[in-house]
Amino acid sequence: MRACYKYMLKLLLNENEEACVEDAVMGSSAVVIEYPNDDETAKNSKPVILLEAGQEAGIESVNFALFVIEQLVACVEYSDMLKNVRWVILPNTNPDGREFSRHYTAPWKKNMRISEDDRSIGVDISRNFDYAFSECNRVVNGFSSEYPGKKAMSENETIFIANVLEKHKNNLRAYVSIRRDGHAILYPFASTSNSNTNVDKVKAKAGEIVEKINKKAGFIQLLANNSIFEMNRKAHCGHSVDYVYNKYKQTYAYEFRVFLESDQRIITKFQVLPRGYETTLRTGYFSVIKELYNIVVSDHKNTTLRKRVMLKV
């Protein structure tokens, strides 16, 4: 057994992991894995980075979230990332949709709740959060792939995510919604093209991360950096990033799209991708998480230092 995996096994056996489980429609579960520190006081004073994946079903984002967990727990070189930050990771927030998408040939991104009104299946939980929910021309056809539900927070999955956010609100410093089929770090807003000065810091930090990653990651295509609205070219109301950014003011909130599934199908018609390119992507994406971690830790140290100075004064 490799040394880093022996360390992972030892850590898992020794740590008292918390797990929050929410029953989903088809009997699957959404699980939150946290890595608490031995010292309760230290644990509660650490900044929290919350990663969640799989809102739009599919496997790419879920696999990457699991990869992040593996790296954090398995390898000694990332021990500081565990020591300095409390990680809350929701690796599969739409388990029913994920399971269904494995056996459904057309792209599927909704959950699997059956409507009592028209017997349609599923709500797009990525549009079900309680921010700007009614500001778009809301889709009312339950058979649409973009159906956001009758009202905000109507789904078990969105309630679950919201509850986890609320649980960690006091120390929440970064939230990343990992989504499939893309290659970008996207900042607020999703529901409008109008920005404001309040989002400048979140936007600037995303730009810093992208600049660093594009210089060293070895991507064939550069990692993009836009607002969610600009990337979609239309409003996406009820988005979790807008919800988090507006409710928890001190939080860096991003949508992180991983694995250019559709673009790579096009690219491969014209050129052969390098051997191991998927590994290159995965490693580069993990570097994004590391850069965000560095920003959060730096902010936390500066805030702590300012508080100490104020106490002395």
Protein backbone atom coordinates (compact mmCIF):
# COMPACT_ATOMS: atom_id res chain seq x y z
CA MET A 1 0.00 0.00 0.00
CA ARG A 2 1.35 3.46 -0.93
CA ALA A 3 2.39 5.62 2.02
CA CYS A 4 -0.21 8.29 1.33
CA TYR A 5 -2.99 5.68 1.33
CA LYS A 6 -1.74 4.21 4.60
CA TYR A 7 -1.95 7.73 5.99
CA MET A 8 -5.49 8.11 4.60
CA LEU A 9 -6.60 4.84 6.20
CA LYS A 10 -5.05 5.80 9.53
CA LEU A 11 -6.70 9.23 9.39
CA LEU A 12 -10.11 7.80 8.55
CA LEU A 13 -9.89 5.27 11.35
CA ASN A 14 -8.75 7.83 13.90
CA GLU A 15 -10.99 10.77 12.99
CA ASN A 16 -14.54 11.06 14.26
CA GLU A 17 -16.08 12.16 10.98
CA GLU A 18 -19.42 13.91 10.93
CA ALA A 19 -21.86 12.90 8.23
CA CYS A 20 -25.10 14.66 7.42
CA VAL A 21 -27.44 12.47 5.42
CA GLU A 22 -30.57 13.61 3.63
CA ASP A 23 -32.92 11.07 2.10
CA ALA A 24 -33.60 11.74 -1.55
CA VAL A 25 -36.52 10.65 -3.68
CA MET A 26 -35.28 7.27 -4.89
CA GLY A 27 -33.67 6.20 -1.63
CA SER A 28 -30.21 7.54 -2.45
CA SER A 29 -28.40 9.77 0.00
CA ALA A 30 -26.55 13.05 -0.16
CA VAL A 31 -23.64 12.94 2.26
CA VAL A 32 -21.60 15.77 3.74
CA ILE A 33 -18.09 14.78 4.81
CA GLU A 34 -16.24 17.06 7.18
CA TYR A 35 -12.73 16.84 8.52
CA PRO A 36 -12.95 18.17 12.10
CA ASN A 37 -9.87 19.04 14.08
CA ASP A 38 -9.17 17.21 17.33
CA ASP A 39 -9.46 20.48 19.24
CA GLU A 40 -13.10 21.63 19.31
CA THR A 41 -12.18 25.27 19.90
CA ALA A 42 -9.72 25.31 17.01
CA LYS A 43 -12.19 23.52 14.77
CA ASN A 44 -14.88 26.12 15.39
CA SER A 45 -12.51 29.02 14.74
CA LYS A 46 -11.30 27.81 11.35
CA PRO A 47 -12.55 29.27 8.07
CA VAL A 48 -14.86 26.92 6.17
CA ILE A 49 -14.59 26.10 2.48
CA LEU A 50 -17.71 24.37 1.21
CA LEU A 51 -17.62 22.44 -2.05
CA GLU A 52 -20.69 20.83 -3.54
CA ALA A 53 -21.04 18.89 -6.77
CA GLY A 54 -23.61 17.20 -8.92
CA GLN A 55 -26.56 19.60 -8.92
CA GLU A 56 -26.98 19.00 -12.66
CA ALA A 57 -26.55 15.20 -12.39
CA GLY A 58 -23.80 13.73 -14.56
CA ILE A 59 -20.62 12.08 -13.36
CA GLU A 60 -17.83 14.58 -14.11
CA SER A 61 -18.39 16.99 -11.24
CA VAL A 62 -19.11 14.19 -8.76
CA ASN A 63 -15.90 12.38 -9.69
CA PHE A 64 -13.90 15.56 -9.26
CA ALA A 65 -15.39 16.19 -5.80
CA LEU A 66 -14.41 12.65 -4.82
CA PHE A 67 -10.93 13.29 -6.21
CA VAL A 68 -10.63 16.38 -3.99
CA ILE A 69 -11.62 14.31 -0.96
CA GLU A 70 -9.04 11.67 -1.90
CA GLN A 71 -6.26 14.23 -2.26
CA LEU A 72 -7.06 16.00 1.00
CA VAL A 73 -7.26 12.83 3.03
CA ALA A 74 -4.72 10.60 1.29
CA CYS A 75 -1.61 12.67 0.79
CA VAL A 76 0.67 14.12 3.42
CA GLU A 77 1.68 17.05 1.20
CA TYR A 78 -1.81 18.49 1.66
CA SER A 79 -1.88 18.16 5.44
CA ASP A 80 -1.72 21.95 5.84
CA MET A 81 -4.93 22.23 3.84
CA LEU A 82 -6.59 20.10 6.51
CA LYS A 83 -4.82 21.87 9.34
CA ASN A 84 -5.76 25.43 8.39
CA VAL A 85 -9.26 25.08 6.96
CA ARG A 86 -12.38 23.14 7.75
CA TRP A 87 -13.58 21.44 4.56
CA VAL A 88 -17.24 20.66 4.04
CA ILE A 89 -17.78 18.64 0.86
CA LEU A 90 -21.08 17.54 -0.63
CA PRO A 91 -19.88 15.20 -3.38
CA ASN A 92 -23.25 14.28 -4.89
CA THR A 93 -26.12 16.70 -4.30
CA ASN A 94 -28.47 15.20 -6.88
CA PRO A 95 -28.01 11.44 -6.41
CA ASP A 96 -31.29 10.44 -8.05
CA GLY A 97 -30.59 12.49 -11.16
CA ARG A 98 -27.04 11.15 -11.25
CA GLU A 99 -28.23 7.55 -11.09
CA PHE A 100 -30.89 8.09 -13.74
CA SER A 101 -28.44 9.82 -16.09
CA ARG A 102 -26.31 6.66 -16.15
CA HIS A 103 -29.06 4.80 -17.99
CA TYR A 104 -30.67 7.64 -19.98
CA THR A 105 -29.18 8.36 -23.39
CA ALA A 106 -30.20 12.03 -23.63
CA PRO A 107 -28.57 14.58 -21.27
CA TRP A 108 -30.43 14.71 -17.94
CA LYS A 109 -29.89 17.27 -15.18
CA LYS A 110 -33.07 17.34 -13.04
CA ASN A 111 -33.86 15.37 -9.92
CA MET A 112 -36.44 12.57 -10.05
CA ARG A 113 -39.40 13.83 -8.03
CA ILE A 114 -42.70 13.06 -9.77
CA SER A 115 -45.11 15.99 -9.98
CA GLU A 116 -48.56 15.38 -8.53
CA ASP A 117 -50.06 17.81 -11.08
CA ASP A 118 -49.00 16.54 -14.49
CA ARG A 119 -46.91 13.46 -13.61
CA SER A 120 -43.84 15.10 -15.08
CA ILE A 121 -40.52 14.06 -13.61
CA GLY A 122 -37.96 16.27 -12.00
CA VAL A 123 -37.02 19.80 -11.03
CA ASP A 124 -33.83 21.55 -12.11
CA ILE A 125 -32.44 22.07 -8.61
CA SER A 126 -29.81 24.48 -9.96
CA ARG A 127 -32.73 26.92 -10.48
CA ASN A 128 -34.56 26.20 -7.22
CA PHE A 129 -32.67 28.40 -4.74
CA ASP A 130 -34.29 31.34 -3.03
CA TYR A 131 -32.69 34.22 -4.87
CA ALA A 132 -34.28 36.00 -7.86
CA PHE A 133 -36.40 32.87 -8.26
CA SER A 134 -39.31 34.70 -9.92
CA GLU A 135 -37.34 37.36 -11.77
CA CYS A 136 -36.75 35.36 -14.96
CA ASN A 137 -39.46 34.31 -17.37
CA ARG A 138 -39.99 31.24 -15.24
CA VAL A 139 -40.61 27.95 -17.05
CA VAL A 140 -43.94 26.47 -15.90
CA ASN A 141 -43.86 23.33 -18.06
CA GLY A 142 -42.85 20.48 -15.76
CA PHE A 143 -41.55 18.49 -18.73
CA SER A 144 -38.92 21.14 -19.54
CA SER A 145 -35.31 20.39 -18.62
CA GLU A 146 -35.16 23.88 -17.07
CA TYR A 147 -38.27 23.57 -14.90
CA PRO A 148 -37.34 25.28 -11.58
CA GLY A 149 -40.23 23.96 -9.52
CA LYS A 150 -43.38 25.66 -8.26
CA LYS A 151 -41.55 27.68 -5.64
CA ALA A 152 -38.05 28.29 -4.35
CA MET A 153 -36.58 25.68 -2.02
CA SER A 154 -39.27 23.16 -2.90
CA GLU A 155 -36.83 20.24 -3.25
CA ASN A 156 -35.12 18.03 -0.67
CA GLU A 157 -31.81 18.58 -2.44
CA THR A 158 -31.90 22.39 -2.29
CA ILE A 159 -33.15 22.36 1.30
CA PHE A 160 -30.29 20.04 2.22
CA ILE A 161 -27.65 22.29 0.65
CA ALA A 162 -29.21 25.37 2.28
CA ASN A 163 -29.25 23.69 5.69
CA VAL A 164 -25.56 22.78 5.44
CA LEU A 165 -24.72 26.34 4.44
CA GLU A 166 -26.71 27.69 7.37
CA LYS A 167 -24.98 25.31 9.76
CA HIS A 168 -21.56 26.69 8.80
CA LYS A 169 -22.55 30.31 8.12
CA ASN A 170 -20.44 31.84 10.88
CA ASN A 171 -17.15 30.61 9.43
CA LEU A 172 -18.12 30.15 5.78
CA ARG A 173 -15.51 31.89 3.63
CA ALA A 174 -15.74 30.13 0.28
CA TYR A 175 -18.43 28.25 -1.60
CA VAL A 176 -17.85 26.45 -4.88
CA SER A 177 -20.58 24.77 -6.90
CA ILE A 178 -18.81 22.24 -9.13
CA ARG A 179 -20.74 21.57 -12.33
CA ARG A 180 -20.27 19.44 -15.40
CA ASP A 181 -19.35 20.19 -18.99
CA GLY A 182 -17.27 23.33 -18.90
CA HIS A 183 -13.86 24.81 -18.25
CA ALA A 184 -14.33 27.98 -16.24
CA ILE A 185 -14.48 29.76 -12.90
CA LEU A 186 -17.62 31.86 -12.87
CA TYR A 187 -18.54 34.58 -10.41
CA PRO A 188 -21.90 36.26 -9.56
CA PHE A 189 -24.33 37.10 -10.90
CA ALA A 190 -26.34 34.44 -12.72
CA SER A 191 -29.70 36.20 -12.77
CA THR A 192 -28.63 39.55 -14.20
CA SER A 193 -25.96 41.12 -16.39
CA ASN A 194 -25.71 44.04 -13.98
CA SER A 195 -22.74 43.88 -11.65
CA ASN A 196 -21.90 46.13 -8.73
CA THR A 197 -18.86 47.16 -6.74
CA ASN A 198 -19.63 44.59 -4.05
CA VAL A 199 -18.76 41.76 -6.41
CA ASP A 200 -15.41 43.29 -7.44
CA LYS A 201 -13.37 41.39 -4.83
CA VAL A 202 -14.90 38.03 -5.76
CA LYS A 203 -14.33 38.82 -9.44
CA ALA A 204 -10.73 39.96 -8.87
CA LYS A 205 -9.79 36.85 -6.89
CA ALA A 206 -11.27 34.62 -9.59
CA GLY A 207 -9.11 36.49 -12.12
CA GLU A 208 -6.00 35.93 -9.99
CA ILE A 209 -6.69 32.20 -9.75
CA VAL A 210 -7.32 31.82 -13.48
CA GLU A 211 -4.17 33.77 -14.40
CA LYS A 212 -2.01 31.52 -12.22
CA ILE A 213 -3.62 28.28 -13.40
CA ASN A 214 -3.48 29.12 -17.11
CA LYS A 215 0.26 29.78 -16.82
CA LYS A 216 1.13 26.42 -15.32
CA ALA A 217 -1.65 23.84 -15.73
CA GLY A 218 -0.96 22.72 -19.30
CA PHE A 219 -4.55 23.04 -20.53
CA ILE A 220 -5.15 22.94 -24.29
CA GLN A 221 -7.88 25.53 -23.78
CA LEU A 222 -7.47 28.36 -21.31
CA LEU A 223 -9.63 28.30 -18.22
CA ALA A 224 -12.35 30.92 -18.72
CA ASN A 225 -13.32 33.60 -16.21
CA ASN A 226 -16.67 35.36 -16.57
CA SER A 227 -19.82 36.07 -14.69
CA ILE A 228 -22.33 33.22 -14.77
CA PHE A 229 -24.71 35.39 -16.79
CA GLU A 230 -22.03 36.18 -19.39
CA MET A 231 -21.14 32.51 -19.77
CA ASN A 232 -24.75 31.39 -20.18
CA ARG A 233 -25.68 34.44 -22.30
CA LYS A 234 -28.99 34.51 -20.49
CA ALA A 235 -30.37 34.75 -16.98
CA HIS A 236 -30.21 31.70 -14.72
CA CYS A 237 -32.49 32.56 -11.80
CA GLY A 238 -32.58 30.64 -8.53
CA HIS A 239 -28.84 29.94 -8.77
CA SER A 240 -27.02 28.71 -5.67
CA VAL A 241 -24.01 31.00 -6.21
CA ASP A 242 -26.22 34.11 -6.22
CA TYR A 243 -28.06 32.73 -3.19
CA VAL A 244 -24.84 32.20 -1.22
CA TYR A 245 -23.20 35.45 -2.30
CA ASN A 246 -26.18 37.55 -1.25
CA LYS A 247 -27.02 35.72 1.96
CA TYR A 248 -23.50 35.21 3.32
CA LYS A 249 -21.72 38.48 2.61
CA GLN A 250 -18.16 37.47 3.55
CA THR A 251 -18.05 34.49 1.23
CA TYR A 252 -16.23 33.92 -2.06
CA ALA A 253 -18.91 32.25 -4.18
CA TYR A 254 -18.18 30.60 -7.52
CA GLU A 255 -19.50 28.17 -10.07
CA PHE A 256 -16.66 25.91 -11.21
CA ARG A 257 -17.25 24.06 -14.46
CA VAL A 258 -15.08 21.02 -15.04
CA PHE A 259 -14.32 18.70 -17.97
CA LEU A 260 -15.13 20.05 -21.42
CA GLU A 261 -17.26 17.09 -22.41
CA SER A 262 -19.00 18.61 -25.44
CA ASP A 263 -16.01 20.72 -26.51
CA GLN A 264 -13.65 17.75 -26.31
CA ARG A 265 -15.92 15.76 -28.61
CA ILE A 266 -15.40 18.55 -31.15
CA ILE A 267 -11.66 18.94 -30.49
CA THR A 268 -10.98 15.23 -30.99
CA LYS A 269 -12.36 15.45 -34.54
CA PHE A 270 -9.48 17.76 -35.43
CA GLN A 271 -6.62 16.73 -33.15
CA VAL A 272 -5.55 13.91 -30.90
CA LEU A 273 -5.62 14.85 -27.24
CA PRO A 274 -2.37 14.13 -25.37
CA ARG A 275 -2.24 10.86 -23.49
CA GLY A 276 -3.36 11.41 -19.93
CA TYR A 277 -5.03 14.74 -20.71
CA GLU A 278 -7.92 13.94 -18.37
CA THR A 279 -5.38 13.55 -15.57
CA THR A 280 -3.89 16.91 -16.56
CA LEU A 281 -7.34 18.49 -16.32
CA ARG A 282 -8.06 16.91 -12.96
CA THR A 283 -4.72 18.02 -11.53
CA GLY A 284 -5.21 21.53 -12.90
CA TYR A 285 -8.69 21.74 -11.43
CA PHE A 286 -7.35 20.68 -8.05
CA SER A 287 -4.83 23.52 -8.34
CA VAL A 288 -7.81 25.88 -8.58
CA ILE A 289 -9.04 24.57 -5.23
CA LYS A 290 -5.55 25.01 -3.76
CA GLU A 291 -5.35 28.62 -4.97
CA LEU A 292 -8.75 29.37 -3.44
CA TYR A 293 -7.53 27.78 -0.22
CA ASN A 294 -4.48 30.08 -0.25
CA ILE A 295 -6.72 33.13 -0.62
CA VAL A 296 -9.00 32.06 2.22
CA VAL A 297 -6.09 31.31 4.55
CA SER A 298 -4.39 34.62 3.72
CA ASP A 299 -7.61 36.54 4.42
CA HIS A 300 -8.10 34.65 7.67
CA LYS A 301 -4.57 35.41 8.87
CA ASN A 302 -4.97 39.11 8.05
CA THR A 303 -8.32 39.28 9.82
CA THR A 304 -6.93 37.53 12.89
CA LEU A 305 -3.93 39.88 12.94
CA ARG A 306 -6.17 42.97 12.74
CA LYS A 307 -8.28 41.70 15.63
CA ARG A 308 -5.17 41.17 17.76
CA VAL A 309 -3.92 44.68 16.98
CA MET A 310 -7.30 46.16 17.90
CA LEU A 311 -7.31 44.26 21.20
CA LYS A 312 -3.87 45.63 22.07
CA VAL A 313 -5.01 49.16 21.30
